[in-house]
Amino acid sequence: MKIVKEWTGKEIKKIINHGKISTIKKGGIIEQCRKFKREGKAGIKVLVFVVIAIILNTSCLNGKRKSEALAIIKQWTYPADVKRALKLAGDNRAELEKVLEHYSKQPEDKMKLKSAYFLIANMPCHHTVHDACLDSFKIVLKDVEPQTWSWIRFRNIDCQKITGRTIIKPDLHFITAEYLIRNIDFSFKVWLETPWCKDFSFDIFCEEILPYRLSNEPLEYWKEVYYALFRPIIDTMIHRDNPEEVCMKLLNHVIMEQGWIIDYALPTPGIDASLLLEKRYGSCKEQAEFITYVLRSVGIPAGIDVIIQNPIGLSSTHLWNYTRNNTGKRVHFDYFEICESETGITRRAARKLGKVYQQCFSLQKGSLPVKYSDNHIPVGGLSNYLLRDVSCHYFPDTHITVRPSSPDLVGRGDLVYLCVFNNKDWIPVAYNRVQRGKATFRHVDSGILYQ
């Protein structure tokens, strides 16, 4: 079968206008599509363009064969990371393709289609964790008030006796088209009804409004539930163009009027969004997640920052929130360490942080396990491929340059780690490569003992 590898503009126009098919035999269109897909030809975009024109302007294929050919061609247009995710989805691939097909029908859904690309491309990084302790914990917490004797007994004694198999359910294998479409549509609804949506990029929307989960919690339709409860609180302020002011209004309501029960000894890490809404209970992790649920549900960009290791050794980690003002600048705050001022949100007390990372929904290509997968990755926070270093927003001018104490053991290009002390061990919180006998760690907190 003869294939013309290149066409001039006039030839392409002629093919479109007249349905010329002399260069591709009628019975070989689908097979040639598949062949070029396998071989990854450089001129594939031109071929796809012409084949689409041929299919749409001729009757050489029946309805079923035409649909099959169009489906094959459409897959070529998916971004590479979306293609990889679809391949990993196995039997659930059809559910994900329903979402892509749903947003491919109308030109006005172009941005929603890009949102679907973002969620599906990063879906291999996300899953739900189910275990016996989690199930028992949710049952007890629903029936027993926190901090009562019954709850304390369960938390400290009974839950330690629970045994069972931990089940990990990858989102790629279990998420439904209905769930994703509903999440995308509602995210756009709350985003577009706010006056500040015009001030932020699509990337900020994707990372700080769109995601359907924060951790490994069970999947729920949480956005609609939170919206119904918290949107009325800010109805009189929604016309303002500064989300920081609206955020402050919500925080005052949530913290001052509804409160939170602190507990740093939860038996399980993955708490349902609905359970957090009902009980308002947990550690700084649950606090930060709850506030993020609240803010995102009403269209306020928000997220979670974290330190891998507390540099003063009191706890292993700490999490807090950030939002954005109308200039796009990040404004960070701690649940119980904020106060209202004329300029918006401020922190009451500064704590030593060391290095700060943002918890992202998207895979971070600059993270240690992605960037240096061939190296030995230390166990702990640096092995998390969803963390993005945002220390520059906290310590823009503080840098440390170190020279390895044993230069014979550390060569050019080797990784070295910056560590803080946890009262027992030195914990890596940053990394860099050795260049010219030294390594520089940028944007680090001052007044801390490092190694």
Protein backbone atom coordinates (compact mmCIF):
# COMPACT_ATOMS: atom_id res chain seq x y z
CA MET A 1 0.00 0.00 0.00
CA LYS A 2 1.49 3.33 -1.03
CA ILE A 3 1.50 6.07 1.57
CA VAL A 4 2.36 9.66 0.69
CA LYS A 5 4.62 10.81 3.53
CA GLU A 6 4.27 14.55 2.99
CA TRP A 7 1.52 16.71 1.56
CA THR A 8 1.54 20.33 0.50
CA GLY A 9 -1.08 22.73 1.80
CA LYS A 10 -2.91 22.60 -1.53
CA GLU A 11 -2.98 18.79 -1.50
CA ILE A 12 -4.39 18.67 2.04
CA LYS A 13 -7.05 21.23 1.12
CA LYS A 14 -7.94 19.21 -1.95
CA ILE A 15 -8.27 16.02 0.10
CA ILE A 16 -10.55 17.76 2.60
CA ASN A 17 -12.72 19.34 -0.08
CA HIS A 18 -13.05 16.34 -2.36
CA GLY A 19 -12.45 13.34 -0.13
CA LYS A 20 -9.51 12.16 -2.21
CA ILE A 21 -8.44 8.67 -1.12
CA SER A 22 -6.14 7.57 -3.91
CA THR A 23 -3.10 7.63 -1.61
CA ILE A 24 -4.63 5.26 0.96
CA LYS A 25 -6.56 2.18 -0.02
CA LYS A 26 -10.07 2.01 1.35
CA GLY A 27 -9.64 -1.25 3.21
CA GLY A 28 -6.37 -0.25 4.86
CA ILE A 29 -7.20 2.92 6.77
CA ILE A 30 -7.59 1.32 10.19
CA GLU A 31 -4.59 -0.95 9.70
CA GLN A 32 -2.41 1.97 8.62
CA CYS A 33 -3.54 3.98 11.64
CA ARG A 34 -2.46 1.14 13.90
CA LYS A 35 0.84 0.74 12.06
CA PHE A 36 1.80 4.39 12.41
CA LYS A 37 0.75 4.32 16.07
CA ARG A 38 3.11 1.39 16.72
CA GLU A 39 6.01 2.87 14.78
CA GLY A 40 5.62 6.41 16.13
CA LYS A 41 6.22 8.06 12.76
CA ALA A 42 7.44 11.64 12.84
CA GLY A 43 4.82 12.74 10.33
CA ILE A 44 1.97 11.14 12.23
CA LYS A 45 0.16 14.43 12.91
CA VAL A 46 -0.09 15.13 9.21
CA LEU A 47 -1.27 11.59 8.54
CA VAL A 48 -3.87 11.82 11.30
CA PHE A 49 -5.10 15.11 9.89
CA VAL A 50 -5.50 13.65 6.43
CA VAL A 51 -7.02 10.35 7.60
CA ILE A 52 -9.63 12.22 9.66
CA ALA A 53 -10.51 14.26 6.59
CA ILE A 54 -10.80 11.09 4.51
CA ILE A 55 -12.98 9.30 7.05
CA LEU A 56 -15.31 12.25 7.48
CA ASN A 57 -15.60 13.04 3.79
CA THR A 58 -15.99 9.59 2.27
CA SER A 59 -18.24 6.63 2.73
CA CYS A 60 -15.51 4.01 2.33
CA LEU A 61 -16.14 2.74 5.88
CA ASN A 62 -19.35 1.54 7.45
CA GLY A 63 -20.53 3.07 10.74
CA LYS A 64 -18.82 0.55 13.02
CA ARG A 65 -15.49 0.63 11.20
CA LYS A 66 -15.56 4.42 11.00
CA SER A 67 -16.13 4.68 14.77
CA GLU A 68 -13.26 2.28 15.39
CA ALA A 69 -10.92 4.29 13.18
CA LEU A 70 -11.90 7.55 14.83
CA ALA A 71 -11.35 6.03 18.28
CA ILE A 72 -7.84 4.93 17.30
CA ILE A 73 -7.03 8.35 15.89
CA LYS A 74 -8.41 10.13 18.95
CA GLN A 75 -6.07 8.17 21.24
CA TRP A 76 -3.11 9.66 19.37
CA THR A 77 -4.16 13.12 20.54
CA TYR A 78 -3.98 12.22 24.25
CA PRO A 79 -0.92 13.53 26.14
CA ALA A 80 1.74 10.90 26.75
CA ASP A 81 1.16 10.77 30.52
CA VAL A 82 -2.57 10.24 29.95
CA LYS A 83 -1.82 7.35 27.60
CA ARG A 84 0.38 5.75 30.26
CA ALA A 85 -2.35 6.10 32.88
CA LEU A 86 -4.95 4.58 30.56
CA LYS A 87 -2.67 1.63 29.96
CA LEU A 88 -2.24 1.10 33.70
CA ALA A 89 -5.99 1.31 34.31
CA GLY A 90 -6.58 -2.21 33.00
CA ASP A 91 -10.24 -3.17 32.96
CA ASN A 92 -11.22 0.27 34.27
CA ARG A 93 -9.82 2.02 31.21
CA ALA A 94 -13.29 2.28 29.68
CA GLU A 95 -14.48 4.40 32.63
CA LEU A 96 -11.65 6.88 32.13
CA GLU A 97 -12.20 7.03 28.40
CA LYS A 98 -15.87 7.84 29.01
CA VAL A 99 -14.71 11.00 30.77
CA LEU A 100 -12.42 11.99 27.90
CA GLU A 101 -15.16 11.26 25.37
CA HIS A 102 -17.68 13.25 27.40
CA TYR A 103 -15.57 16.41 27.27
CA SER A 104 -14.48 15.94 23.65
CA LYS A 105 -17.92 16.54 22.17
CA GLN A 106 -18.30 20.30 22.65
CA PRO A 107 -15.66 22.98 21.94
CA GLU A 108 -16.72 24.88 25.07
CA ASP A 109 -15.58 21.90 27.20
CA LYS A 110 -11.97 22.31 26.12
CA MET A 111 -10.79 23.40 29.60
CA LYS A 112 -12.74 20.60 31.27
CA LEU A 113 -11.04 18.14 28.94
CA LYS A 114 -7.66 19.52 30.03
CA SER A 115 -8.78 19.11 33.65
CA ALA A 116 -9.63 15.48 32.95
CA TYR A 117 -6.17 15.04 31.41
CA PHE A 118 -4.61 16.45 34.59
CA LEU A 119 -6.54 14.17 36.95
CA ILE A 120 -6.09 11.00 34.89
CA ALA A 121 -2.39 11.63 34.17
CA ASN A 122 -1.66 11.90 37.91
CA MET A 123 -4.07 9.19 39.04
CA PRO A 124 -1.35 6.47 39.24
CA CYS A 125 -0.05 8.33 42.32
CA HIS A 126 -3.29 7.98 44.30
CA HIS A 127 -5.20 5.26 46.09
CA THR A 128 -7.55 4.50 48.98
CA VAL A 129 -6.33 2.49 51.97
CA HIS A 130 -8.77 0.16 53.74
CA ASP A 131 -7.84 -1.76 56.87
CA ALA A 132 -9.61 -3.27 59.86
CA CYS A 133 -8.38 -0.57 62.22
CA LEU A 134 -9.74 2.17 59.96
CA ASP A 135 -13.16 0.52 59.74
CA SER A 136 -13.34 0.02 63.51
CA PHE A 137 -12.15 3.55 64.15
CA LYS A 138 -14.89 5.07 61.96
CA ILE A 139 -17.58 2.98 63.66
CA VAL A 140 -16.45 3.97 67.14
CA LEU A 141 -15.95 7.65 66.28
CA LYS A 142 -19.46 7.89 64.85
CA ASP A 143 -21.01 6.44 68.02
CA VAL A 144 -18.71 7.79 70.73
CA GLU A 145 -17.80 11.40 71.50
CA PRO A 146 -14.05 12.10 71.31
CA GLN A 147 -12.10 12.50 74.56
CA THR A 148 -14.60 10.43 76.56
CA TRP A 149 -13.40 7.41 78.52
CA SER A 150 -14.83 5.01 75.93
CA TRP A 151 -12.97 6.75 73.13
CA ILE A 152 -9.67 6.95 75.01
CA ARG A 153 -9.88 3.24 75.83
CA PHE A 154 -10.48 2.36 72.20
CA ARG A 155 -7.70 4.61 70.93
CA ASN A 156 -5.05 3.47 73.42
CA ILE A 157 -6.00 -0.16 74.05
CA ASP A 158 -8.67 -1.75 71.88
CA CYS A 159 -7.42 -0.56 68.48
CA GLN A 160 -4.00 -2.03 69.22
CA LYS A 161 -5.60 -5.49 69.31
CA ILE A 162 -7.28 -5.19 65.93
CA THR A 163 -5.69 -7.23 63.18
CA GLY A 164 -6.64 -7.54 59.57
CA ARG A 165 -5.42 -7.24 56.03
CA THR A 166 -4.68 -3.80 54.62
CA ILE A 167 -6.25 -3.31 51.20
CA ILE A 168 -4.99 -0.70 48.77
CA LYS A 169 -7.44 0.30 46.05
CA PRO A 170 -5.75 2.28 43.24
CA ASP A 171 -7.91 5.08 41.87
CA LEU A 172 -7.07 3.98 38.33
CA HIS A 173 -8.77 0.63 38.93
CA PHE A 174 -11.85 1.72 40.86
CA ILE A 175 -12.81 5.30 40.09
CA THR A 176 -15.90 5.80 37.92
CA ALA A 177 -16.63 8.13 35.04
CA GLU A 178 -19.63 9.51 36.94
CA TYR A 179 -17.46 10.45 39.92
CA LEU A 180 -14.83 12.23 37.82
CA ILE A 181 -17.33 14.10 35.67
CA ARG A 182 -19.28 15.21 38.70
CA ASN A 183 -16.08 16.43 40.40
CA ILE A 184 -14.88 18.33 37.34
CA ASP A 185 -18.24 19.98 36.67
CA PHE A 186 -18.68 21.05 40.29
CA SER A 187 -15.11 22.35 40.53
CA PHE A 188 -15.69 24.57 37.51
CA LYS A 189 -19.00 25.75 38.94
CA VAL A 190 -17.52 27.00 42.22
CA TRP A 191 -14.46 28.37 40.44
CA LEU A 192 -16.30 30.40 37.82
CA GLU A 193 -18.87 31.86 40.19
CA THR A 194 -16.10 33.65 42.15
CA PRO A 195 -14.76 37.06 41.02
CA TRP A 196 -11.15 36.07 41.66
CA CYS A 197 -11.05 33.17 39.20
CA LYS A 198 -9.77 35.58 36.56
CA ASP A 199 -6.73 36.36 38.72
CA PHE A 200 -5.30 32.84 38.81
CA SER A 201 -3.81 30.52 36.25
CA PHE A 202 -5.31 27.26 35.10
CA ASP A 203 -2.40 25.47 36.77
CA ILE A 204 -3.42 26.91 40.15
CA PHE A 205 -6.99 25.78 39.53
CA CYS A 206 -5.84 22.24 38.72
CA GLU A 207 -3.66 21.90 41.81
CA GLU A 208 -5.67 23.87 44.37
CA ILE A 209 -9.36 23.56 43.43
CA LEU A 210 -9.86 20.59 41.11
CA PRO A 211 -8.44 17.53 43.00
CA TYR A 212 -11.00 15.06 44.31
CA ARG A 213 -8.81 13.80 47.19
CA LEU A 214 -6.07 14.99 49.55
CA SER A 215 -4.57 11.81 50.96
CA ASN A 216 -5.56 8.12 50.92
CA GLU A 217 -9.04 8.70 52.33
CA PRO A 218 -12.14 6.94 50.89
CA LEU A 219 -13.61 8.66 47.84
CA GLU A 220 -16.74 10.70 48.51
CA TYR A 221 -18.81 13.45 46.91
CA TRP A 222 -17.52 15.82 49.57
CA LYS A 223 -17.46 19.07 47.62
CA GLU A 224 -21.24 19.41 47.33
CA VAL A 225 -21.72 18.63 51.05
CA TYR A 226 -19.15 21.16 52.23
CA TYR A 227 -20.42 23.76 49.75
CA ALA A 228 -23.99 23.49 51.02
CA LEU A 229 -22.79 24.08 54.59
CA PHE A 230 -20.16 26.79 54.13
CA ARG A 231 -21.18 28.78 51.05
CA PRO A 232 -24.06 30.57 52.89
CA ILE A 233 -21.51 31.95 55.38
CA ILE A 234 -19.76 33.96 52.67
CA ASP A 235 -22.75 34.86 50.46
CA THR A 236 -22.48 38.52 51.44
CA MET A 237 -18.74 38.56 50.60
CA ILE A 238 -18.59 36.53 47.43
CA HIS A 239 -18.55 39.67 45.27
CA ARG A 240 -15.21 40.75 46.75
CA ASP A 241 -12.21 40.13 44.56
CA ASN A 242 -9.79 39.11 47.34
CA PRO A 243 -10.09 35.43 48.34
CA GLU A 244 -7.89 36.08 51.40
CA GLU A 245 -10.65 38.18 52.99
CA VAL A 246 -13.28 35.53 52.29
CA CYS A 247 -10.94 32.87 53.66
CA MET A 248 -10.57 34.84 56.90
CA LYS A 249 -14.35 34.99 57.27
CA LEU A 250 -14.62 31.21 56.91
CA LEU A 251 -11.73 30.55 59.28
CA ASN A 252 -13.25 32.71 62.00
CA HIS A 253 -16.49 30.75 61.68
CA VAL A 254 -14.86 27.32 61.61
CA ILE A 255 -12.32 27.92 64.37
CA MET A 256 -14.06 30.32 66.72
CA GLU A 257 -17.64 29.11 66.44
CA GLN A 258 -17.27 25.39 65.74
CA GLY A 259 -13.89 24.49 67.25
CA TRP A 260 -11.65 21.45 66.93
CA ILE A 261 -10.65 18.58 69.24
CA ILE A 262 -6.90 17.95 69.11
CA ASP A 263 -5.61 14.37 69.20
CA TYR A 264 -2.16 13.40 67.94
CA ALA A 265 -2.57 9.66 68.53
CA LEU A 266 -5.09 8.65 65.88
CA PRO A 267 -4.84 4.96 65.01
CA THR A 268 -5.19 5.52 61.25
CA PRO A 269 -4.13 8.21 58.75
CA GLY A 270 -6.96 8.20 56.20
CA ILE A 271 -10.11 9.87 57.59
CA ASP A 272 -13.23 10.43 55.48
CA ALA A 273 -14.02 14.03 54.56
CA SER A 274 -17.57 13.53 55.83
CA LEU A 275 -16.34 12.23 59.20
CA LEU A 276 -14.04 15.22 59.65
CA LEU A 277 -16.97 17.49 58.93
CA GLU A 278 -19.10 15.74 61.53
CA LYS A 279 -16.56 15.32 64.36
CA ARG A 280 -13.91 18.06 63.86
CA TYR A 281 -11.31 15.83 65.47
CA GLY A 282 -7.69 14.88 64.86
CA SER A 283 -4.11 16.08 64.57
CA CYS A 284 -2.60 18.89 62.51
CA LYS A 285 -2.94 16.63 59.47
CA GLU A 286 -6.70 16.32 59.86
CA GLN A 287 -6.95 20.04 60.65
CA ALA A 288 -5.11 21.00 57.47
CA GLU A 289 -7.17 18.59 55.38
CA PHE A 290 -10.44 19.84 56.84
CA ILE A 291 -9.60 23.49 56.11
CA THR A 292 -8.56 22.55 52.58
CA TYR A 293 -11.89 20.78 52.04
CA VAL A 294 -13.74 23.87 53.29
CA LEU A 295 -11.88 26.38 51.14
CA ARG A 296 -11.79 24.37 47.93
CA SER A 297 -15.48 23.56 48.18
CA VAL A 298 -16.35 27.27 47.79
CA GLY A 299 -13.79 28.04 45.10
CA ILE A 300 -10.96 29.44 47.23
CA PRO A 301 -7.54 28.11 46.14
CA ALA A 302 -5.93 26.30 49.04
CA GLY A 303 -3.48 23.57 49.90
CA ILE A 304 -1.23 22.04 52.54
CA ASP A 305 2.40 22.75 53.39
CA VAL A 306 4.44 20.35 55.49
CA ILE A 307 7.79 19.92 57.18
CA ILE A 308 9.29 16.44 56.88
CA GLN A 309 10.85 16.65 60.34
CA ASN A 310 10.34 19.18 63.08
CA PRO A 311 13.84 20.71 63.55
CA ILE A 312 13.33 21.19 67.29
CA GLY A 313 12.51 17.51 67.73
CA LEU A 314 9.10 17.75 69.40
CA SER A 315 7.29 15.76 66.72
CA SER A 316 8.13 14.07 63.48
CA THR A 317 6.22 16.38 61.18
CA HIS A 318 3.79 19.27 61.04
CA LEU A 319 1.18 20.39 58.49
CA TRP A 320 -0.61 23.69 57.94
CA ASN A 321 -2.48 25.53 55.18
CA TYR A 322 -1.96 28.17 52.56
CA THR A 323 -4.31 30.16 50.36
CA ARG A 324 -3.71 32.99 47.88
CA ASN A 325 -4.48 36.67 47.77
CA ASN A 326 -5.72 38.45 44.67
CA THR A 327 -2.17 38.90 43.36
CA GLY A 328 -1.61 35.15 43.42
CA LYS A 329 0.83 35.30 46.32
CA ARG A 330 0.75 32.37 48.73
CA VAL A 331 -0.52 33.23 52.22
CA HIS A 332 0.24 30.50 54.75
CA PHE A 333 -1.45 30.01 58.09
CA ASP A 334 -1.78 27.54 60.92
CA TYR A 335 -5.20 26.50 62.21
CA PHE A 336 -4.68 27.77 65.75
CA GLU A 337 -1.97 30.33 65.02
CA ILE A 338 -3.82 32.93 62.96
CA CYS A 339 -5.30 36.27 63.75
CA GLU A 340 -7.13 38.86 61.69
CA SER A 341 -5.37 42.08 60.78
CA GLU A 342 -5.88 44.93 58.38
CA THR A 343 -3.72 43.15 55.84
CA GLY A 344 -5.54 39.81 56.09
CA ILE A 345 -4.16 36.58 57.53
CA THR A 346 -1.07 36.71 59.74
CA ARG A 347 0.65 34.16 61.94
CA ARG A 348 0.76 34.69 65.69
CA ALA A 349 3.93 32.76 66.31
CA ALA A 350 6.86 31.78 64.13
CA ARG A 351 8.22 28.27 64.59
CA LYS A 352 11.40 26.82 63.21
CA LEU A 353 10.71 24.88 60.03
CA GLY A 354 13.96 23.87 58.34
CA LYS A 355 12.64 23.08 54.85
CA VAL A 356 9.03 23.38 53.70
CA TYR A 357 7.22 21.30 51.08
CA GLN A 358 3.83 21.55 49.45
CA GLN A 359 1.63 18.46 49.23
CA CYS A 360 0.55 18.24 45.60
CA PHE A 361 -1.91 16.16 43.65
CA SER A 362 0.39 16.02 40.64
CA LEU A 363 3.54 13.94 40.35
CA GLN A 364 6.52 16.19 41.06
CA LYS A 365 9.19 15.63 38.45
CA GLY A 366 11.69 17.49 40.61
CA SER A 367 11.13 15.22 43.63
CA LEU A 368 13.96 12.98 44.80
CA PRO A 369 12.44 9.57 43.83
CA VAL A 370 11.54 10.81 40.34
CA LYS A 371 14.64 12.85 39.57
CA TYR A 372 17.14 10.35 41.00
CA SER A 373 15.35 7.02 40.86
CA ASP A 374 18.65 5.20 40.30
CA ASN A 375 20.03 6.37 43.67
CA HIS A 376 19.40 5.01 47.12
CA ILE A 377 16.40 6.99 48.40
CA PRO A 378 16.28 7.46 52.18
CA VAL A 379 13.14 6.27 53.91
CA GLY A 380 10.93 9.16 55.00
CA GLY A 381 9.46 12.32 53.60
CA LEU A 382 11.99 12.78 50.80
CA SER A 383 10.73 9.54 49.24
CA ASN A 384 7.33 11.16 48.62
CA TYR A 385 6.98 11.95 44.91
CA LEU A 386 4.07 14.36 45.54
CA LEU A 387 6.13 16.91 47.51
CA ARG A 388 7.25 20.19 45.95
CA ASP A 389 9.89 22.33 47.65
CA VAL A 390 8.30 25.72 48.45
CA SER A 391 10.91 26.91 50.95
CA CYS A 392 11.62 29.91 48.72
CA HIS A 393 8.32 31.41 49.88
CA TYR A 394 9.45 31.18 53.51
CA PHE A 395 13.24 31.74 53.43
CA PRO A 396 14.06 33.58 50.19
CA ASP A 397 17.53 34.74 51.20
CA THR A 398 18.99 32.02 53.44
CA HIS A 399 21.35 29.47 51.84
CA ILE A 400 23.89 26.97 53.15
CA THR A 401 26.99 25.69 51.35
CA VAL A 402 28.70 22.60 52.73
CA ARG A 403 31.83 20.69 51.87
CA PRO A 404 31.75 16.92 52.51
CA SER A 405 33.93 15.98 55.48
CA SER A 406 35.25 12.97 53.52
CA PRO A 407 35.85 14.21 49.96
CA ASP A 408 37.42 10.88 49.00
CA LEU A 409 34.06 9.17 49.62
CA VAL A 410 31.89 11.77 47.89
CA GLY A 411 32.56 12.43 44.24
CA ARG A 412 31.29 14.94 41.71
CA GLY A 413 27.58 14.48 41.08
CA ASP A 414 26.98 12.39 44.21
CA LEU A 415 23.96 13.23 46.33
CA VAL A 416 24.39 14.69 49.79
CA TYR A 417 21.62 15.30 52.30
CA LEU A 418 20.90 18.13 54.71
CA CYS A 419 19.61 16.72 58.02
CA VAL A 420 17.96 17.99 61.19
CA PHE A 421 18.01 16.28 64.57
CA ASN A 422 14.89 14.65 66.10
CA ASN A 423 16.44 14.10 69.55
CA LYS A 424 17.53 10.65 68.44
CA ASP A 425 18.62 10.53 64.78
CA TRP A 426 19.57 12.86 61.96
CA ILE A 427 16.67 13.04 59.47
CA PRO A 428 17.22 14.11 55.83
CA VAL A 429 15.08 17.11 54.85
CA ALA A 430 16.83 18.26 51.65
CA TYR A 431 19.29 17.03 49.05
CA ASN A 432 21.60 18.27 46.34
CA ARG A 433 24.47 17.12 44.17
CA VAL A 434 28.12 17.80 44.86
CA GLN A 435 29.61 20.24 42.38
CA ARG A 436 33.27 21.32 42.58
CA GLY A 437 33.65 19.74 45.96
CA LYS A 438 30.67 21.42 47.59
CA ALA A 439 26.87 21.35 47.73
CA THR A 440 24.59 24.34 48.22
CA PHE A 441 21.20 24.09 49.89
CA ARG A 442 19.05 27.07 48.98
CA HIS A 443 16.16 28.54 50.95
CA VAL A 444 16.66 27.00 54.39
CA ASP A 445 15.53 28.24 57.80
CA SER A 446 18.13 29.97 59.95
CA GLY A 447 18.99 29.36 63.61
CA ILE A 448 18.85 25.57 63.28
CA LEU A 449 21.54 22.92 63.81
CA TYR A 450 22.04 21.02 60.54
CA GLN A 451 24.26 18.17 59.55
